[in-house]
């Protein structure tokens, strides 16, 4: 009978010691915090929950090519051809037909100007 009482007392003491170490002290209880995030999860500073955004594919948009040709002095610029490697814009300059060839990359770098 003494053995069963001793086992029960030891088990109770073990549970009490374990529960006492698991409870936070006053200093640790003050560190509890939470955060509110605005916006789409996965973007902006902080933890990223969603998939990362894909890298921007560098292409020369037709409107960008026409605007760039117009800033270069080509009057009435129009896209005449476009494929995966280049964009060709035709127009007029100083009363003569002209052609500007842009690479189909970001920022539309000029390849040829005739």
Protein backbone atom coordinates (compact mmCIF):
# COMPACT_ATOMS: atom_id res chain seq x y z
CA UNK A 1 0.00 0.00 0.00
CA UNK A 2 2.89 2.30 0.80
CA UNK A 3 4.31 1.68 -2.65
CA UNK A 4 1.17 2.81 -4.43
CA UNK A 5 0.98 5.97 -2.27
CA UNK A 6 4.66 6.71 -2.98
CA UNK A 7 4.14 6.23 -6.73
CA UNK A 8 1.13 8.55 -6.70
CA UNK A 9 3.02 11.18 -4.68
CA UNK A 10 6.04 10.98 -7.00
CA UNK A 11 3.85 11.26 -10.08
CA UNK A 12 2.02 14.26 -8.61
CA UNK A 13 5.32 15.97 -7.72
CA UNK A 14 6.66 15.33 -11.22
CA UNK A 15 3.55 16.84 -12.84
CA UNK A 16 3.72 19.88 -10.51
CA UNK A 17 7.39 20.52 -11.31
CA UNK A 18 6.73 20.15 -15.05
CA UNK A 19 3.77 22.52 -14.95
CA UNK A 20 5.75 25.07 -12.95
CA UNK A 21 8.58 25.18 -15.51
CA UNK A 22 6.16 25.40 -18.44
CA UNK A 23 4.41 28.55 -17.20
CA UNK A 24 6.10 31.79 -18.33
CA UNK A 25 7.44 34.26 -15.83
CA UNK A 26 6.28 37.87 -15.74
CA UNK A 27 9.13 39.06 -17.99
CA UNK A 28 8.32 36.48 -20.64
CA UNK A 29 4.59 37.20 -20.52
CA UNK A 30 5.24 40.80 -21.65
CA UNK A 31 6.82 39.61 -24.92
CA UNK A 32 3.57 38.26 -26.33
CA UNK A 33 2.75 40.16 -29.52
CA UNK A 34 0.71 39.92 -32.67
CA UNK A 35 0.74 41.67 -36.03
CA UNK A 36 -1.78 42.93 -38.54
CA UNK A 37 -0.72 43.00 -42.20
CA UNK A 38 -2.49 44.92 -44.94
CA UNK A 39 -2.25 44.01 -48.60
CA UNK A 40 -1.83 40.84 -50.55
CA UNK A 41 -0.01 38.07 -48.69
CA UNK A 42 3.31 37.23 -50.27
CA UNK A 43 4.30 40.75 -51.30
CA UNK A 44 6.01 43.57 -49.48
CA UNK A 45 8.33 43.53 -46.48
CA UNK A 46 7.97 40.85 -43.87
CA UNK A 47 7.14 37.18 -44.03
CA UNK A 48 6.22 35.86 -47.45
CA UNK A 49 3.25 33.52 -47.47
CA UNK A 50 2.53 33.14 -51.15
CA UNK A 51 4.65 32.18 -54.12
CA UNK A 52 7.34 34.64 -55.20
CA UNK A 53 6.47 36.84 -58.19
CA UNK A 54 7.82 35.64 -61.51
CA UNK A 55 10.74 37.56 -62.96
CA UNK A 56 9.76 40.13 -65.58
CA UNK A 57 10.15 38.83 -69.08
CA UNK A 58 12.00 41.46 -71.05
CA UNK A 59 10.00 42.28 -74.16
CA UNK A 60 9.74 45.42 -76.24
CA UNK A 61 6.09 46.41 -76.21
CA UNK A 62 4.83 47.79 -79.54
CA UNK A 63 3.68 51.05 -77.96
CA UNK A 64 7.12 51.56 -76.39
CA UNK A 65 8.84 50.98 -79.73
CA UNK A 66 6.55 53.47 -81.51
CA UNK A 67 7.03 56.08 -78.77
CA UNK A 68 10.80 55.65 -78.85
CA UNK A 69 10.88 55.99 -82.65
CA UNK A 70 8.75 59.14 -82.41
CA UNK A 71 11.16 60.61 -79.85
CA UNK A 72 13.99 59.81 -82.28
CA UNK A 73 12.33 62.04 -84.87
CA UNK A 74 10.41 59.49 -86.97
CA UNK A 75 7.11 60.96 -88.14
CA UNK A 76 4.02 58.75 -88.37
CA UNK A 77 5.79 55.69 -86.87
CA UNK A 78 4.10 52.32 -87.40
CA UNK A 79 5.05 48.74 -86.55
CA UNK A 80 5.83 46.98 -89.82
CA UNK A 81 7.14 43.68 -88.45
CA UNK A 82 7.57 41.96 -85.13
CA UNK A 83 9.02 38.58 -84.22
CA UNK A 84 10.67 37.01 -81.18
CA UNK A 85 14.01 38.77 -81.71
CA UNK A 86 13.20 42.22 -83.12
CA UNK A 87 10.58 44.90 -83.73
CA UNK A 88 10.71 46.98 -86.92
CA UNK A 89 9.15 50.46 -87.00
CA UNK A 90 8.77 52.38 -90.26
CA UNK A 91 7.96 56.03 -90.81
CA UNK A 92 9.19 59.28 -92.33
CA UNK A 93 12.09 61.54 -91.46
CA UNK A 94 13.13 64.67 -93.39
CA UNK A 95 10.75 63.68 -96.20
CA UNK A 96 12.31 60.23 -96.71
CA UNK A 97 11.19 56.79 -95.65
CA UNK A 98 13.07 55.48 -92.65
CA UNK A 99 13.23 52.29 -90.64
CA UNK A 100 14.25 51.68 -87.03
CA UNK A 101 14.98 48.15 -85.83
CA UNK A 102 14.65 47.50 -82.09
CA UNK A 103 15.68 44.39 -80.20
CA UNK A 104 12.70 42.59 -78.66
CA UNK A 105 14.14 43.08 -75.17
CA UNK A 106 13.33 45.29 -72.23
CA UNK A 107 13.71 49.05 -72.93
CA UNK A 108 13.75 48.39 -76.72
CA UNK A 109 17.46 48.87 -77.53
CA UNK A 110 18.13 50.14 -81.06
CA UNK A 111 19.78 47.64 -83.42
CA UNK A 112 19.69 49.58 -86.69
CA UNK A 113 18.55 53.01 -87.85
CA UNK A 114 18.23 53.78 -91.58
